[in-house]
Amino acid sequence: MARRRGTTSVVVTFSGPLFDGYIYLVVKRILAVAVKTVTDMAETELRVQMHAKFKHPTGYFESKMLEMPVTSLQRIIDDPVIYGAWLEGTSRRNRSTRFKGYKIWRKTRQKMRKLATPVAQAIFDARISEMN
């Protein structure tokens, strides 16, 4: 391509850890630690709630909690327990009985929404030195 008179070309080259992919890998590692930490906190909170709320626990429901990876996130589920929705209070059956559910999943989700950002921030602050 021929240059026209009076034009200027500028070539900008980016280099360093921010542009070579190193920082991306460090941040990805820190994010994985943060996600795992919050997931472990949520699982612990669920177990605490179960022990506090269940009157006659058999251990079966608690034993069926699974951590499921979802892309870069984690998800805790109670699969394949068929009565999980009833225990939570989201089943149609709860509408016709006195038992309205324990709501441990909802309460745990609300608690984790409040705690996730501060916990992740603390992990990032502690590991930010890896980027230097």
N, C-alpha and C. Protein backbone atom coordinates (compact mmCIF):
# COMPACT_ATOMS: atom_id res chain seq x y z
N MET A 1 0.84 -1.16 0.00
CA MET A 1 0.00 0.00 0.00
C MET A 1 0.89 1.23 0.00
N ALA A 2 0.62 2.09 -0.92
CA ALA A 2 1.44 3.30 -1.06
C ALA A 2 1.01 4.33 -0.03
N ARG A 3 1.99 5.04 0.48
CA ARG A 3 1.72 6.10 1.44
C ARG A 3 1.36 7.38 0.73
N ARG A 4 0.40 8.05 1.30
CA ARG A 4 0.09 9.36 0.75
C ARG A 4 0.98 10.39 1.41
N ARG A 5 1.20 11.44 0.71
CA ARG A 5 2.02 12.51 1.26
C ARG A 5 1.33 13.17 2.45
N GLY A 6 2.08 13.44 3.45
CA GLY A 6 1.56 14.15 4.61
C GLY A 6 0.92 13.25 5.65
N THR A 7 1.00 11.94 5.49
CA THR A 7 0.43 11.04 6.50
C THR A 7 1.54 10.49 7.38
N THR A 8 1.13 10.11 8.58
CA THR A 8 2.09 9.58 9.53
C THR A 8 1.61 8.21 9.99
N SER A 9 2.51 7.29 10.13
CA SER A 9 2.18 5.97 10.65
C SER A 9 2.74 5.84 12.06
N VAL A 10 1.97 5.22 12.90
CA VAL A 10 2.42 4.97 14.26
C VAL A 10 2.24 3.49 14.53
N VAL A 11 3.27 2.87 15.04
CA VAL A 11 3.20 1.46 15.42
C VAL A 11 3.36 1.40 16.93
N VAL A 12 2.37 0.79 17.59
CA VAL A 12 2.41 0.66 19.04
C VAL A 12 2.56 -0.81 19.36
N THR A 13 3.53 -1.13 20.18
CA THR A 13 3.76 -2.51 20.59
C THR A 13 3.53 -2.61 22.09
N PHE A 14 2.64 -3.54 22.46
CA PHE A 14 2.36 -3.77 23.87
C PHE A 14 3.13 -5.00 24.31
N SER A 15 3.78 -4.90 25.44
CA SER A 15 4.51 -6.05 25.97
C SER A 15 4.46 -5.99 27.50
N GLY A 16 4.84 -7.06 28.09
CA GLY A 16 4.85 -7.13 29.55
C GLY A 16 3.81 -8.11 30.05
N PRO A 17 3.78 -8.30 31.37
CA PRO A 17 2.91 -9.33 31.95
C PRO A 17 1.42 -9.08 31.73
N LEU A 18 1.04 -7.81 31.58
CA LEU A 18 -0.36 -7.51 31.36
C LEU A 18 -0.82 -7.98 29.99
N PHE A 19 0.07 -8.04 29.04
CA PHE A 19 -0.30 -8.35 27.66
C PHE A 19 0.16 -9.72 27.18
N ASP A 20 1.00 -10.40 27.94
CA ASP A 20 1.49 -11.71 27.49
C ASP A 20 0.65 -12.88 28.02
N GLY A 21 -0.41 -12.59 28.75
CA GLY A 21 -1.29 -13.64 29.23
C GLY A 21 -1.01 -14.08 30.65
N TYR A 22 0.11 -13.63 31.23
CA TYR A 22 0.46 -14.05 32.58
C TYR A 22 -0.56 -13.53 33.60
N ILE A 23 -0.91 -12.25 33.50
CA ILE A 23 -1.86 -11.67 34.44
C ILE A 23 -3.22 -12.37 34.34
N TYR A 24 -3.61 -12.68 33.12
CA TYR A 24 -4.87 -13.40 32.93
C TYR A 24 -4.86 -14.72 33.69
N LEU A 25 -3.76 -15.45 33.62
CA LEU A 25 -3.67 -16.74 34.32
C LEU A 25 -3.68 -16.55 35.83
N VAL A 26 -3.00 -15.50 36.32
CA VAL A 26 -2.98 -15.23 37.75
C VAL A 26 -4.38 -14.89 38.24
N VAL A 27 -5.06 -14.00 37.52
CA VAL A 27 -6.42 -13.61 37.91
C VAL A 27 -7.36 -14.81 37.84
N LYS A 28 -7.19 -15.65 36.83
CA LYS A 28 -8.03 -16.85 36.70
C LYS A 28 -7.81 -17.78 37.89
N ARG A 29 -6.55 -17.93 38.33
CA ARG A 29 -6.25 -18.77 39.50
C ARG A 29 -6.86 -18.18 40.77
N ILE A 30 -6.72 -16.86 40.93
CA ILE A 30 -7.27 -16.20 42.12
C ILE A 30 -8.80 -16.33 42.12
N LEU A 31 -9.41 -16.17 40.97
CA LEU A 31 -10.86 -16.31 40.87
C LEU A 31 -11.29 -17.73 41.23
N ALA A 32 -10.55 -18.72 40.78
CA ALA A 32 -10.88 -20.12 41.11
C ALA A 32 -10.81 -20.34 42.63
N VAL A 33 -9.81 -19.76 43.28
CA VAL A 33 -9.68 -19.89 44.73
C VAL A 33 -10.85 -19.20 45.42
N ALA A 34 -11.22 -18.01 44.94
CA ALA A 34 -12.33 -17.26 45.53
C ALA A 34 -13.64 -18.02 45.38
N VAL A 35 -13.88 -18.56 44.20
CA VAL A 35 -15.12 -19.32 43.95
C VAL A 35 -15.17 -20.55 44.84
N LYS A 36 -14.07 -21.27 44.95
CA LYS A 36 -14.02 -22.47 45.78
C LYS A 36 -14.23 -22.12 47.25
N THR A 37 -13.64 -21.03 47.70
CA THR A 37 -13.79 -20.60 49.09
C THR A 37 -15.25 -20.27 49.42
N VAL A 38 -15.89 -19.50 48.54
CA VAL A 38 -17.28 -19.14 48.77
C VAL A 38 -18.18 -20.37 48.68
N THR A 39 -17.90 -21.27 47.76
CA THR A 39 -18.68 -22.51 47.65
C THR A 39 -18.54 -23.35 48.91
N ASP A 40 -17.33 -23.46 49.43
CA ASP A 40 -17.12 -24.22 50.67
C ASP A 40 -17.85 -23.57 51.83
N MET A 41 -17.84 -22.23 51.88
CA MET A 41 -18.57 -21.52 52.93
C MET A 41 -20.07 -21.80 52.83
N ALA A 42 -20.59 -21.80 51.60
CA ALA A 42 -22.02 -22.06 51.38
C ALA A 42 -22.37 -23.48 51.80
N GLU A 43 -21.52 -24.43 51.45
CA GLU A 43 -21.79 -25.82 51.82
C GLU A 43 -21.77 -26.00 53.34
N THR A 44 -20.82 -25.35 53.99
CA THR A 44 -20.76 -25.40 55.45
C THR A 44 -22.01 -24.78 56.06
N GLU A 45 -22.43 -23.63 55.53
CA GLU A 45 -23.63 -22.97 56.03
C GLU A 45 -24.86 -23.85 55.84
N LEU A 46 -24.97 -24.53 54.69
CA LEU A 46 -26.09 -25.43 54.46
C LEU A 46 -26.12 -26.55 55.50
N ARG A 47 -24.96 -27.11 55.78
CA ARG A 47 -24.89 -28.20 56.76
C ARG A 47 -25.24 -27.70 58.17
N VAL A 48 -24.78 -26.50 58.52
CA VAL A 48 -25.12 -25.92 59.82
C VAL A 48 -26.62 -25.71 59.93
N GLN A 49 -27.22 -25.18 58.86
CA GLN A 49 -28.67 -24.96 58.85
C GLN A 49 -29.42 -26.29 58.97
N MET A 50 -28.94 -27.31 58.26
CA MET A 50 -29.60 -28.61 58.33
C MET A 50 -29.57 -29.17 59.74
N HIS A 51 -28.41 -29.08 60.38
CA HIS A 51 -28.28 -29.61 61.73
C HIS A 51 -29.12 -28.82 62.72
N ALA A 52 -29.29 -27.53 62.46
CA ALA A 52 -30.08 -26.70 63.36
C ALA A 52 -31.58 -26.87 63.15
N LYS A 53 -32.01 -27.10 61.93
CA LYS A 53 -33.44 -27.11 61.61
C LYS A 53 -34.09 -28.49 61.60
N PHE A 54 -33.38 -29.49 61.05
CA PHE A 54 -34.00 -30.80 60.90
C PHE A 54 -34.24 -31.43 62.26
N LYS A 55 -35.47 -31.87 62.50
CA LYS A 55 -35.80 -32.46 63.80
C LYS A 55 -35.37 -33.92 63.90
N HIS A 56 -35.50 -34.66 62.82
CA HIS A 56 -35.13 -36.08 62.81
C HIS A 56 -34.28 -36.37 61.57
N PRO A 57 -33.05 -35.87 61.56
CA PRO A 57 -32.23 -36.05 60.35
C PRO A 57 -31.77 -37.49 60.19
N THR A 58 -31.83 -37.96 58.95
CA THR A 58 -31.34 -39.31 58.66
C THR A 58 -29.94 -39.25 58.05
N GLY A 59 -29.56 -38.08 57.55
CA GLY A 59 -28.27 -37.94 56.91
C GLY A 59 -28.32 -38.15 55.41
N TYR A 60 -29.42 -38.72 54.92
CA TYR A 60 -29.52 -39.00 53.49
C TYR A 60 -29.52 -37.71 52.67
N PHE A 61 -30.36 -36.77 53.05
CA PHE A 61 -30.45 -35.51 52.31
C PHE A 61 -29.11 -34.79 52.31
N GLU A 62 -28.47 -34.73 53.45
CA GLU A 62 -27.17 -34.07 53.56
C GLU A 62 -26.11 -34.79 52.72
N SER A 63 -26.20 -36.09 52.65
CA SER A 63 -25.20 -36.86 51.89
C SER A 63 -25.33 -36.67 50.39
N LYS A 64 -26.48 -36.17 49.94
CA LYS A 64 -26.72 -36.02 48.50
C LYS A 64 -26.39 -34.62 47.98
N MET A 65 -25.84 -33.76 48.83
CA MET A 65 -25.42 -32.45 48.34
C MET A 65 -24.18 -32.62 47.47
N LEU A 66 -24.21 -32.03 46.30
CA LEU A 66 -23.11 -32.14 45.35
C LEU A 66 -22.64 -30.77 44.92
N GLU A 67 -21.34 -30.63 44.72
CA GLU A 67 -20.82 -29.42 44.10
C GLU A 67 -20.72 -29.70 42.61
N MET A 68 -21.33 -28.82 41.83
CA MET A 68 -21.33 -28.98 40.38
C MET A 68 -20.61 -27.80 39.75
N PRO A 69 -19.54 -28.04 38.99
CA PRO A 69 -18.90 -26.92 38.30
C PRO A 69 -19.78 -26.41 37.18
N VAL A 70 -19.92 -25.10 37.10
CA VAL A 70 -20.67 -24.45 36.03
C VAL A 70 -19.74 -23.37 35.47
N THR A 71 -19.13 -23.63 34.33
CA THR A 71 -18.10 -22.78 33.73
C THR A 71 -17.08 -22.42 34.80
N SER A 72 -16.93 -21.12 35.13
CA SER A 72 -15.93 -20.74 36.13
C SER A 72 -16.55 -20.64 37.52
N LEU A 73 -17.81 -21.05 37.65
CA LEU A 73 -18.51 -20.97 38.93
C LEU A 73 -18.76 -22.35 39.49
N GLN A 74 -19.25 -22.40 40.70
CA GLN A 74 -19.62 -23.66 41.33
C GLN A 74 -21.09 -23.57 41.71
N ARG A 75 -21.76 -24.69 41.73
CA ARG A 75 -23.16 -24.74 42.12
C ARG A 75 -23.33 -25.92 43.05
N ILE A 76 -24.06 -25.73 44.14
CA ILE A 76 -24.34 -26.82 45.07
C ILE A 76 -25.79 -27.23 44.85
N ILE A 77 -26.01 -28.52 44.67
CA ILE A 77 -27.36 -29.02 44.43
C ILE A 77 -27.67 -30.17 45.37
N ASP A 78 -28.95 -30.51 45.49
CA ASP A 78 -29.36 -31.62 46.34
C ASP A 78 -29.87 -32.79 45.51
N ASP A 79 -29.37 -32.93 44.33
CA ASP A 79 -29.82 -33.96 43.40
C ASP A 79 -29.35 -35.33 43.85
N PRO A 80 -30.09 -36.36 43.74
CA PRO A 80 -31.42 -36.56 43.18
C PRO A 80 -32.49 -36.73 44.26
N VAL A 81 -32.44 -35.97 45.33
CA VAL A 81 -33.41 -36.12 46.41
C VAL A 81 -34.75 -35.56 45.98
N ILE A 82 -35.75 -36.42 45.90
CA ILE A 82 -37.05 -36.04 45.35
C ILE A 82 -37.83 -35.12 46.30
N TYR A 83 -37.54 -35.21 47.60
CA TYR A 83 -38.29 -34.40 48.56
C TYR A 83 -37.56 -33.10 48.92
N GLY A 84 -36.53 -32.75 48.18
CA GLY A 84 -35.77 -31.53 48.46
C GLY A 84 -36.62 -30.28 48.37
N ALA A 85 -37.47 -30.20 47.36
CA ALA A 85 -38.34 -29.03 47.20
C ALA A 85 -39.32 -28.92 48.37
N TRP A 86 -39.79 -30.03 48.88
CA TRP A 86 -40.70 -30.01 50.02
C TRP A 86 -39.98 -29.51 51.27
N LEU A 87 -38.75 -29.99 51.50
CA LEU A 87 -37.98 -29.52 52.66
C LEU A 87 -37.70 -28.02 52.56
N GLU A 88 -37.46 -27.54 51.35
CA GLU A 88 -37.17 -26.12 51.15
C GLU A 88 -38.44 -25.28 51.28
N GLY A 89 -39.58 -25.85 50.92
CA GLY A 89 -40.84 -25.12 51.00
C GLY A 89 -41.32 -24.61 49.66
N THR A 90 -40.76 -25.13 48.58
CA THR A 90 -41.13 -24.67 47.24
C THR A 90 -42.00 -25.67 46.49
N SER A 91 -42.38 -26.74 47.13
CA SER A 91 -43.21 -27.78 46.50
C SER A 91 -44.69 -27.38 46.55
N ARG A 92 -45.47 -27.91 45.61
CA ARG A 92 -46.93 -27.70 45.66
C ARG A 92 -47.51 -28.28 46.94
N ARG A 93 -46.90 -29.32 47.42
CA ARG A 93 -47.39 -29.98 48.63
C ARG A 93 -47.35 -29.05 49.85
N ASN A 94 -46.38 -28.13 49.89
CA ASN A 94 -46.27 -27.21 51.02
C ASN A 94 -47.49 -26.28 51.13
N ARG A 95 -48.15 -26.03 50.02
CA ARG A 95 -49.33 -25.15 50.04
C ARG A 95 -50.50 -25.77 50.78
N SER A 96 -50.57 -27.09 50.78
CA SER A 96 -51.73 -27.76 51.38
C SER A 96 -51.45 -28.35 52.76
N THR A 97 -50.26 -28.14 53.30
CA THR A 97 -49.94 -28.67 54.62
C THR A 97 -49.47 -27.55 55.54
N ARG A 98 -49.35 -27.84 56.82
CA ARG A 98 -48.85 -26.85 57.78
C ARG A 98 -47.37 -26.56 57.56
N PHE A 99 -46.64 -27.55 57.07
CA PHE A 99 -45.19 -27.41 56.93
C PHE A 99 -44.88 -26.50 55.74
N LYS A 100 -44.28 -25.38 55.99
CA LYS A 100 -43.98 -24.40 54.93
C LYS A 100 -42.52 -24.45 54.48
N GLY A 101 -41.75 -25.38 55.02
CA GLY A 101 -40.38 -25.56 54.56
C GLY A 101 -39.37 -24.88 55.49
N TYR A 102 -38.12 -25.34 55.39
CA TYR A 102 -37.04 -24.79 56.21
C TYR A 102 -36.38 -23.57 55.57
N LYS A 103 -36.44 -23.48 54.25
CA LYS A 103 -35.86 -22.36 53.49
C LYS A 103 -34.35 -22.21 53.72
N ILE A 104 -33.67 -23.33 53.93
CA ILE A 104 -32.23 -23.25 54.18
C ILE A 104 -31.46 -22.84 52.94
N TRP A 105 -31.90 -23.26 51.76
CA TRP A 105 -31.19 -22.90 50.52
C TRP A 105 -31.34 -21.41 50.25
N ARG A 106 -32.55 -20.89 50.43
CA ARG A 106 -32.79 -19.46 50.19
C ARG A 106 -32.00 -18.62 51.18
N LYS A 107 -32.03 -18.99 52.45
CA LYS A 107 -31.30 -18.23 53.47
C LYS A 107 -29.79 -18.27 53.22
N THR A 108 -29.31 -19.44 52.83
CA THR A 108 -27.87 -19.57 52.53
C THR A 108 -27.50 -18.73 51.32
N ARG A 109 -28.33 -18.76 50.27
CA ARG A 109 -28.06 -17.96 49.08
C ARG A 109 -28.01 -16.48 49.44
N GLN A 110 -28.95 -16.01 50.26
CA GLN A 110 -28.96 -14.61 50.67
C GLN A 110 -27.72 -14.25 51.47
N LYS A 111 -27.32 -15.13 52.35
CA LYS A 111 -26.12 -14.88 53.16
C LYS A 111 -24.87 -14.85 52.28
N MET A 112 -24.77 -15.77 51.33
CA MET A 112 -23.60 -15.83 50.46
C MET A 112 -23.53 -14.61 49.53
N ARG A 113 -24.68 -14.09 49.12
CA ARG A 113 -24.68 -12.88 48.29
C ARG A 113 -24.06 -11.71 49.04
N LYS A 114 -24.28 -11.65 50.35
CA LYS A 114 -23.69 -10.58 51.15
C LYS A 114 -22.20 -10.81 51.40
N LEU A 115 -21.82 -12.07 51.58
CA LEU A 115 -20.43 -12.39 51.96
C LEU A 115 -19.49 -12.60 50.78
N ALA A 116 -20.01 -12.95 49.62
CA ALA A 116 -19.15 -13.34 48.50
C ALA A 116 -18.19 -12.24 48.09
N THR A 117 -18.67 -11.02 47.93
CA THR A 117 -17.80 -9.94 47.49
C THR A 117 -16.70 -9.63 48.49
N PRO A 118 -17.01 -9.46 49.79
CA PRO A 118 -15.92 -9.21 50.74
C PRO A 118 -14.91 -10.35 50.83
N VAL A 119 -15.40 -11.59 50.76
CA VAL A 119 -14.48 -12.74 50.81
C VAL A 119 -13.58 -12.75 49.58
N ALA A 120 -14.18 -12.57 48.40
CA ALA A 120 -13.39 -12.55 47.16
C ALA A 120 -12.41 -11.39 47.17
N GLN A 121 -12.84 -10.23 47.66
CA GLN A 121 -11.94 -9.07 47.72
C GLN A 121 -10.75 -9.35 48.63
N ALA A 122 -10.99 -9.99 49.77
CA ALA A 122 -9.90 -10.33 50.68
C ALA A 122 -8.91 -11.30 50.03
N ILE A 123 -9.44 -12.25 49.27
CA ILE A 123 -8.56 -13.21 48.59
C ILE A 123 -7.75 -12.49 47.52
N PHE A 124 -8.38 -11.61 46.75
CA PHE A 124 -7.66 -10.85 45.73
C PHE A 124 -6.59 -9.98 46.36
N ASP A 125 -6.93 -9.30 47.47
CA ASP A 125 -5.96 -8.43 48.13
C ASP A 125 -4.75 -9.23 48.63
N ALA A 126 -5.03 -10.42 49.17
CA ALA A 126 -3.94 -11.24 49.71
C ALA A 126 -3.04 -11.79 48.59
N ARG A 127 -3.60 -12.03 47.42
CA ARG A 127 -2.83 -12.66 46.35
C ARG A 127 -2.39 -11.69 45.25
N ILE A 128 -2.70 -10.43 45.41
CA ILE A 128 -2.37 -9.45 44.36
C ILE A 128 -0.86 -9.34 44.16
N SER A 129 -0.09 -9.68 45.17
CA SER A 129 1.36 -9.60 45.06
C SER A 129 1.91 -10.54 43.98
N GLU A 130 1.13 -11.56 43.60
CA GLU A 130 1.57 -12.46 42.54
C GLU A 130 1.71 -11.74 41.21
N MET A 131 1.01 -10.61 41.07
CA MET A 131 1.05 -9.89 39.79
C MET A 131 2.29 -9.03 39.62
N ASN A 132 3.02 -8.81 40.70
CA ASN A 132 4.21 -7.95 40.61
C ASN A 132 5.40 -8.67 40.04
